[in-house]
């Protein structure tokens, strides 16, 4: 088994809010229920579960976290602590999420813990533009939004089309012309010679 595959499996598990203990339990259950050719897949999951335990212990020993922990741990904390969830809700009265199509289940649960009923939640997303599938993002999260926040009021989307910028030099020349016109030509434009 390649280390990259193990790390990807652990990362994916965290994206689904599955800690090492739960992953091991699922792998053991899979091994009990599966026979024949699928035994290799179950053995692979059991091996990943063993490595997940070791990985988590190494993180703990080094007082470290990984990217998945940055979402999973606060989510679990907020979901289990009502007073903290209320304090966060009062502190962040309005929540805006851009690119909602790229949230995974862990991020969606974190958002739910922060935004609560969603009455002060603004979300922007386009299911056709999801690019973070490797992190567990799915267009189904856009579909689940309506059930997570039943009082949400969708608005029509507005599309603004602008001509593409041909090159960075074109952008620098345009920027220079604008800043000179305003009388505030800055050091960046002087340095680039645009």
Protein backbone atom coordinates (compact mmCIF):
# COMPACT_ATOMS: atom_id res chain seq x y z
CA UNK A 1 0.00 0.00 0.00
CA UNK A 2 1.34 3.43 -0.96
CA UNK A 3 1.64 6.05 1.79
CA UNK A 4 -0.14 8.59 -0.43
CA UNK A 5 -3.20 6.29 -0.53
CA UNK A 6 -3.20 5.93 3.25
CA UNK A 7 -2.95 9.69 3.83
CA UNK A 8 -5.72 10.27 1.26
CA UNK A 9 -7.98 7.73 3.00
CA UNK A 10 -7.38 9.32 6.41
CA UNK A 11 -7.98 12.79 4.98
CA UNK A 12 -11.19 11.64 3.33
CA UNK A 13 -12.34 10.04 6.58
CA UNK A 14 -11.85 13.33 8.40
CA UNK A 15 -13.76 15.13 5.64
CA UNK A 16 -16.65 12.80 6.53
CA UNK A 17 -16.17 13.41 10.28
CA UNK A 18 -14.93 9.86 10.85
CA UNK A 19 -12.29 9.67 13.56
CA UNK A 20 -9.80 6.79 13.96
CA UNK A 21 -12.03 4.86 16.38
CA UNK A 22 -15.06 5.04 14.08
CA UNK A 23 -12.95 4.19 11.03
CA UNK A 24 -11.62 1.08 12.76
CA UNK A 25 -15.15 0.04 13.74
CA UNK A 26 -16.37 0.47 10.15
CA UNK A 27 -13.38 -1.47 8.77
CA UNK A 28 -13.94 -4.33 11.23
CA UNK A 29 -17.64 -4.44 10.36
CA UNK A 30 -16.76 -4.50 6.67
CA UNK A 31 -14.31 -7.38 7.24
CA UNK A 32 -16.99 -9.41 9.07
CA UNK A 33 -19.60 -8.94 6.34
CA UNK A 34 -17.43 -9.42 3.25
CA UNK A 35 -16.14 -12.59 1.66
CA UNK A 36 -14.44 -13.66 -1.54
CA UNK A 37 -12.68 -11.12 -3.72
CA UNK A 38 -13.79 -8.23 -1.55
CA UNK A 39 -11.66 -9.54 1.33
CA UNK A 40 -8.67 -7.66 -0.10
CA UNK A 41 -10.59 -4.37 0.14
CA UNK A 42 -11.58 -5.13 3.73
CA UNK A 43 -7.96 -5.98 4.62
CA UNK A 44 -6.85 -2.72 3.06
CA UNK A 45 -9.37 -0.82 5.19
CA UNK A 46 -8.15 -2.63 8.31
CA UNK A 47 -4.56 -1.72 7.46
CA UNK A 48 -5.57 1.91 6.97
CA UNK A 49 -7.35 1.78 10.33
CA UNK A 50 -4.12 0.60 12.00
CA UNK A 51 -2.17 3.39 10.29
CA UNK A 52 -4.87 5.93 11.18
CA UNK A 53 -4.37 5.04 14.86
CA UNK A 54 -0.60 5.46 14.53
CA UNK A 55 -1.02 8.70 12.59
CA UNK A 56 -3.32 10.18 15.23
CA UNK A 57 -0.91 9.15 17.99
CA UNK A 58 1.97 10.83 16.12
CA UNK A 59 -0.08 14.01 15.78
CA UNK A 60 -0.92 13.92 19.48
CA UNK A 61 2.71 13.24 20.51
CA UNK A 62 3.83 16.23 18.48
CA UNK A 63 0.94 18.44 19.58
CA UNK A 64 0.03 18.84 15.93
CA UNK A 65 -3.06 18.83 13.78
CA UNK A 66 -3.60 18.25 10.09
CA UNK A 67 -5.91 20.00 7.66
CA UNK A 68 -8.82 17.66 8.39
CA UNK A 69 -8.50 18.39 12.11
CA UNK A 70 -8.87 22.11 11.45
CA UNK A 71 -12.47 21.44 10.42
CA UNK A 72 -13.36 18.26 12.31
CA UNK A 73 -12.21 19.32 15.79
CA UNK A 74 -14.03 22.67 15.96
CA UNK A 75 -17.12 21.01 14.49
CA UNK A 76 -17.15 18.30 17.16
CA UNK A 77 -16.50 20.90 19.86
CA UNK A 78 -19.34 23.16 18.73
CA UNK A 79 -21.75 20.27 18.25
CA UNK A 80 -21.08 19.01 21.77
CA UNK A 81 -21.04 22.34 23.62
CA UNK A 82 -24.30 24.29 23.56
CA UNK A 83 -22.97 27.32 25.46
CA UNK A 84 -19.97 27.67 23.16
CA UNK A 85 -22.23 27.29 20.12
CA UNK A 86 -24.47 30.07 21.47
CA UNK A 87 -21.48 32.33 22.15
CA UNK A 88 -20.14 31.80 18.64
CA UNK A 89 -23.60 32.48 17.22
CA UNK A 90 -23.77 35.79 19.08
CA UNK A 91 -20.26 36.76 18.07
CA UNK A 92 -20.79 35.99 14.38
CA UNK A 93 -24.22 37.42 13.79
CA UNK A 94 -23.95 37.14 10.02
CA UNK A 95 -22.19 34.39 8.10
CA UNK A 96 -21.32 34.50 4.40
CA UNK A 97 -20.10 31.42 2.56
CA UNK A 98 -18.79 31.83 -0.96
CA UNK A 99 -18.31 28.80 -3.21
CA UNK A 100 -20.71 26.68 -1.15
CA UNK A 101 -20.54 23.98 -3.81
CA UNK A 102 -17.01 23.24 -2.56
CA UNK A 103 -17.90 22.46 1.05
CA UNK A 104 -17.67 18.88 2.25
CA UNK A 105 -19.82 17.27 4.94
CA UNK A 106 -17.43 18.35 7.71
CA UNK A 107 -17.54 21.96 6.54
CA UNK A 108 -21.32 21.82 6.17
CA UNK A 109 -21.66 20.55 9.75
CA UNK A 110 -19.31 23.27 11.00
CA UNK A 111 -21.41 25.87 9.21
CA UNK A 112 -24.58 24.42 10.75
CA UNK A 113 -22.99 24.60 14.21
CA UNK A 114 -22.05 28.25 13.66
CA UNK A 115 -25.10 29.48 11.72
CA UNK A 116 -27.75 27.44 13.56
CA UNK A 117 -31.10 27.88 11.85
CA UNK A 118 -29.45 29.89 9.08
CA UNK A 119 -31.60 32.99 9.40
CA UNK A 120 -28.49 35.17 9.19
CA UNK A 121 -26.69 32.98 6.69
CA UNK A 122 -25.81 34.01 3.14
CA UNK A 123 -24.55 31.34 0.78
CA UNK A 124 -23.31 31.67 -2.77
CA UNK A 125 -22.64 28.62 -4.90
CA UNK A 126 -22.95 26.97 -8.27
CA UNK A 127 -23.07 23.17 -8.36
CA UNK A 128 -21.63 23.21 -11.88
CA UNK A 129 -18.37 24.71 -10.60
CA UNK A 130 -17.42 22.24 -7.87
CA UNK A 131 -13.66 21.64 -7.99
CA UNK A 132 -12.85 20.18 -4.57
CA UNK A 133 -14.15 16.64 -5.01
CA UNK A 134 -10.82 15.35 -3.69
CA UNK A 135 -11.70 17.04 -0.36
CA UNK A 136 -15.18 15.53 -0.30
CA UNK A 137 -17.03 18.40 -1.95
CA UNK A 138 -20.12 17.29 -3.75
CA UNK A 139 -22.90 19.00 -5.66
CA UNK A 140 -25.23 17.03 -3.38
CA UNK A 141 -24.30 19.49 -0.63
CA UNK A 142 -26.10 22.15 -2.67
CA UNK A 143 -29.16 19.87 -2.77
CA UNK A 144 -28.93 19.18 0.97
CA UNK A 145 -28.84 22.90 1.73
CA UNK A 146 -32.61 23.23 1.37
CA UNK A 147 -33.24 20.45 3.90
CA UNK A 148 -30.57 21.77 6.30
CA UNK A 149 -32.04 25.28 6.15
CA UNK A 150 -35.73 24.93 5.24
CA UNK A 151 -36.46 28.64 5.79
CA UNK A 152 -33.79 29.72 3.30
CA UNK A 153 -35.01 32.01 0.57
CA UNK A 154 -33.21 31.40 -2.71
CA UNK A 155 -32.62 34.38 -4.97
CA UNK A 156 -32.05 34.39 -8.67
CA UNK A 157 -28.48 34.40 -9.79
CA UNK A 158 -26.97 37.36 -11.55
CA UNK A 159 -24.28 36.75 -14.13
CA UNK A 160 -21.90 39.50 -15.11
CA UNK A 161 -19.66 38.78 -18.04
CA UNK A 162 -16.44 40.72 -18.34
CA UNK A 163 -13.89 40.46 -21.11
CA UNK A 164 -10.94 38.29 -20.12
CA UNK A 165 -7.70 40.02 -19.24
CA UNK A 166 -5.25 39.05 -21.95
CA UNK A 167 -2.07 39.28 -19.91
CA UNK A 168 -0.58 40.64 -16.74
CA UNK A 169 1.12 43.42 -18.75
CA UNK A 170 -2.27 44.51 -20.06
CA UNK A 171 -3.52 44.57 -16.48
CA UNK A 172 -0.51 46.59 -15.29
CA UNK A 173 -0.92 49.14 -18.08
CA UNK A 174 -4.63 49.48 -17.28
CA UNK A 175 -3.85 49.86 -13.60
CA UNK A 176 -1.19 52.48 -14.29
CA UNK A 177 -3.56 54.48 -16.47
CA UNK A 178 -6.22 54.41 -13.75
CA UNK A 179 -3.90 55.30 -10.89
CA UNK A 180 -2.19 58.08 -12.84
CA UNK A 181 -5.58 59.51 -13.69
CA UNK A 182 -6.49 59.55 -10.00
CA UNK A 183 -3.13 61.09 -9.13
CA UNK A 184 -2.03 58.25 -6.92
CA UNK A 185 0.54 56.37 -8.99
CA UNK A 186 2.21 54.03 -6.49
CA UNK A 187 5.55 52.31 -6.14
CA UNK A 188 4.30 49.05 -7.65
CA UNK A 189 3.67 50.68 -11.00
CA UNK A 190 7.05 52.44 -10.85
CA UNK A 191 8.81 49.15 -10.15
CA UNK A 192 7.18 47.29 -13.00
CA UNK A 193 7.88 49.98 -15.58
CA UNK A 194 4.41 49.52 -16.99
